[in-house]
Protein backbone atom coordinates (compact mmCIF):
# COMPACT_ATOMS: atom_id res chain seq x y z
CA MET A 1 -32.02 -6.22 -18.88
CA ILE A 2 -30.01 -4.42 -15.69
CA LEU A 3 -28.63 -7.04 -13.00
CA ALA A 4 -28.17 -5.61 -9.70
CA PHE A 5 -25.21 -8.54 -7.97
CA ASN A 6 -23.42 -9.06 -5.18
CA LYS A 7 -19.76 -8.50 -5.75
CA PRO A 8 -17.83 -10.65 -3.17
CA TYR A 9 -14.65 -9.59 -1.51
CA GLY A 10 -11.97 -11.17 -4.18
CA VAL A 11 -13.73 -11.74 -7.27
CA LEU A 12 -12.64 -9.94 -10.81
CA CYS A 13 -15.28 -7.75 -12.85
CA GLN A 14 -14.99 -9.48 -15.03
CA PHE A 15 -15.92 -13.12 -16.69
CA THR A 16 -12.11 -14.52 -18.02
CA ASP A 17 -8.78 -13.43 -15.77
CA ARG A 18 -5.72 -14.89 -17.58
CA SER A 19 -3.60 -14.78 -14.34
CA THR A 20 -1.79 -18.10 -12.93
CA PRO A 21 -3.23 -18.90 -10.67
CA PRO A 22 -6.38 -17.94 -12.32
CA ARG A 23 -8.56 -15.82 -9.86
CA PRO A 24 -12.33 -15.73 -9.14
CA THR A 25 -14.45 -13.71 -12.39
CA LEU A 26 -18.07 -12.96 -12.86
CA ALA A 27 -18.00 -16.33 -14.21
CA GLY A 28 -18.61 -18.25 -11.64
CA PHE A 29 -22.22 -17.16 -10.47
CA GLY A 30 -24.86 -18.40 -12.38
CA LEU A 31 -25.12 -14.90 -14.95
CA PRO A 32 -27.20 -14.78 -17.67
CA PRO A 33 -25.37 -15.07 -21.39
CA GLY A 34 -24.21 -11.48 -22.71
CA VAL A 35 -24.05 -9.56 -20.03
CA TYR A 36 -21.10 -7.76 -18.79
CA ALA A 37 -20.47 -5.35 -15.63
CA ALA A 38 -21.58 -1.73 -16.68
CA GLY A 39 -18.35 -0.20 -14.21
CA ARG A 40 -16.10 -1.41 -12.41
CA LEU A 41 -15.50 -3.00 -8.14
CA ASP A 42 -11.85 -3.86 -7.78
CA HIS A 43 -11.26 -6.83 -6.43
CA ASP A 44 -10.76 -6.02 -2.90
CA SER A 45 -13.82 -4.63 -2.84
CA GLU A 46 -17.65 -6.10 -2.51
CA GLY A 47 -21.13 -5.08 -2.73
CA LEU A 48 -23.05 -3.57 -5.44
CA LEU A 49 -22.02 -4.05 -9.18
CA LEU A 50 -24.54 -3.50 -11.95
CA LEU A 51 -24.77 -5.78 -15.61
CA THR A 52 -26.01 -5.49 -19.02
CA ASP A 53 -26.49 -6.33 -22.47
CA ASP A 54 -27.42 -3.00 -23.16
CA GLY A 55 -24.08 -1.23 -24.35
CA ALA A 56 -26.28 2.19 -24.49
CA LEU A 57 -27.58 2.16 -20.76
CA ALA A 58 -24.18 0.89 -19.61
CA HIS A 59 -22.81 4.21 -20.80
CA ARG A 60 -24.75 6.07 -19.15
CA LEU A 61 -24.83 4.37 -16.04
CA THR A 62 -20.55 4.79 -16.34
CA ASP A 63 -20.05 7.67 -17.58
CA PRO A 64 -19.35 11.20 -15.47
CA ARG A 65 -21.09 13.44 -17.13
CA HIS A 66 -24.44 11.19 -16.13
CA LYS A 67 -23.00 11.71 -12.67
CA GLN A 68 -24.57 8.28 -11.21
CA PRO A 69 -24.48 8.66 -7.38
CA LYS A 70 -22.55 5.97 -5.91
CA THR A 71 -23.07 5.69 -2.24
CA TYR A 72 -20.26 2.81 -0.35
CA TRP A 73 -20.15 1.87 3.37
CA VAL A 74 -16.67 1.76 4.69
CA GLN A 75 -14.91 0.44 7.40
CA VAL A 76 -12.03 2.75 8.41
CA GLU A 77 -8.60 2.78 10.69
CA GLY A 78 -9.51 4.47 13.21
CA ASP A 79 -11.49 6.59 15.42
CA PRO A 80 -13.64 9.27 12.54
CA ALA A 81 -13.29 13.02 13.63
CA GLU A 82 -15.80 15.41 12.35
CA ASP A 83 -12.87 17.47 10.67
CA GLN A 84 -11.48 14.19 8.73
CA VAL A 85 -15.68 14.14 6.90
CA ALA A 86 -15.82 17.67 6.89
CA ALA A 87 -12.66 17.13 4.66
CA LEU A 88 -14.06 14.35 2.93
CA ALA A 89 -17.09 16.23 2.17
CA ARG A 90 -15.76 19.10 0.85
CA GLY A 91 -12.94 17.02 -1.73
CA VAL A 92 -9.76 16.23 -0.98
CA ALA A 93 -6.72 16.45 -2.70
CA LEU A 94 -5.10 13.35 -4.17
CA ASN A 95 -2.13 13.09 -6.66
CA ASP A 96 -4.66 13.51 -9.78
CA GLY A 97 -5.88 16.41 -8.69
CA PRO A 98 -8.52 17.28 -5.41
CA THR A 99 -12.30 15.69 -5.71
CA LEU A 100 -15.51 17.37 -5.86
CA PRO A 101 -17.49 17.36 -2.82
CA ALA A 102 -18.90 14.27 -1.80
CA GLN A 103 -21.72 13.83 1.00
CA ALA A 104 -20.24 11.61 3.74
CA ARG A 105 -20.71 10.61 7.53
CA ARG A 106 -20.60 8.73 10.47
CA ILE A 107 -22.42 5.86 10.71
CA ASP A 108 -23.16 2.65 13.15
CA PRO A 109 -21.67 -0.59 11.84
CA PRO A 110 -23.74 -1.87 9.48
CA PRO A 111 -25.52 -5.20 9.48
CA LEU A 112 -23.15 -6.71 6.99
CA TRP A 113 -22.18 -10.78 6.15
CA PRO A 114 -19.07 -11.45 7.14
CA ARG A 115 -16.07 -11.27 5.31
CA ASP A 116 -13.74 -13.76 3.93
CA PRO A 117 -10.77 -13.31 4.80
CA PRO A 118 -11.72 -11.06 7.36
CA VAL A 119 -10.95 -7.23 8.02
CA ARG A 120 -7.64 -8.18 10.56
CA PHE A 121 -8.50 -6.91 14.31
CA ARG A 122 -6.41 -4.90 15.92
CA LYS A 123 -6.50 -3.99 20.14
CA THR A 124 -5.29 -1.42 20.33
CA VAL A 125 -6.82 0.51 17.29
CA PRO A 126 -9.71 2.07 16.48
CA ASP A 127 -12.08 1.72 13.58
CA GLY A 128 -15.13 3.37 12.57
CA TRP A 129 -18.02 3.68 9.79
CA LEU A 130 -18.33 6.25 6.84
CA GLU A 131 -20.91 6.57 4.39
CA ILE A 132 -19.16 8.58 1.39
CA THR A 133 -21.30 8.96 -1.98
CA ILE A 134 -19.28 10.23 -4.86
CA GLY A 135 -20.33 11.50 -7.90
CA GLU A 136 -16.96 10.33 -9.62
CA GLY A 137 -15.88 7.56 -10.17
CA ARG A 138 -11.54 8.02 -10.02
CA ASN A 139 -9.69 4.79 -9.80
CA ARG A 140 -10.03 3.52 -5.88
CA GLN A 141 -11.05 6.99 -5.54
CA VAL A 142 -13.36 6.14 -2.07
CA ARG A 143 -9.75 4.50 -0.88
CA ARG A 144 -7.59 7.06 -1.79
CA MET A 145 -10.00 10.02 -0.31
CA THR A 146 -9.91 8.30 3.07
CA ALA A 147 -6.36 7.67 3.21
CA ALA A 148 -5.79 11.64 2.15
CA VAL A 149 -7.88 12.63 5.58
CA GLY A 150 -5.56 10.58 7.54
CA LEU A 151 -7.94 7.29 7.65
CA PRO A 152 -6.98 4.15 5.84
CA THR A 153 -9.74 1.73 4.18
CA LEU A 154 -10.09 -1.38 6.19
CA ARG A 155 -13.29 -2.55 4.19
CA LEU A 156 -15.17 -0.80 1.41
CA VAL A 157 -19.39 -2.25 0.15
CA ARG A 158 -20.85 -0.51 -2.12
CA VAL A 159 -24.96 0.12 -1.29
CA ALA A 160 -25.81 1.98 -3.95
CA ILE A 161 -25.51 3.17 -8.17
CA GLY A 162 -28.07 5.94 -8.81
CA PRO A 163 -31.54 4.28 -8.67
CA TYR A 164 -30.11 1.05 -7.70
CA ARG A 165 -29.73 -0.89 -4.48
CA LEU A 166 -27.60 -3.62 -2.87
CA GLY A 167 -30.68 -4.49 -1.05
CA GLU A 168 -31.21 -7.61 0.99
CA LEU A 169 -28.68 -9.44 -1.26
CA ALA A 170 -26.24 -11.99 -0.01
CA PRO A 171 -22.40 -12.00 -1.47
CA GLY A 172 -22.35 -14.19 -5.02
CA GLN A 173 -26.43 -13.53 -5.52
CA TRP A 174 -27.83 -11.62 -7.96
CA ARG A 175 -31.35 -10.11 -8.94
CA HIS A 176 -33.12 -8.62 -12.04
CA CYS A 177 -33.28 -5.05 -11.87
CA ASP A 178 -36.00 -4.10 -14.65
């Protein structure tokens, strides 16, 4: 079984949290018993999270050797210039080594739900949107990539993992994929 879940901002990709005070987890969304996240999405990121009850399938979905591309819509601080987008596409140098080339392009602001809390708006600092597809899955990779080219990430929404798409799922909703 594979489930697509639209992970809201601020929710952890696990079912328990031992911190004080406890933070929101997957346990609060009525997911079927026995499923677990196939991969991760940071608490401050939103969008598509796949869950499964099949360990072998989870491995195929998350192991970099299987190269499941992951697509993100990224709101960045600044107006992305062509050379910045081209640098993302070529791959950028991070402190843990260069990234593989990515697909990167400017996009119009996508039709997304409001984020809670909202992204901070500043009249004097423009923002823009990118669509970035990567085949790796390093810790906070997309955020570090955009920062490396001078475009700090304001909002990060994963919209696809391989053939699986977020589609019309609202934050906190899930559906069966198989």
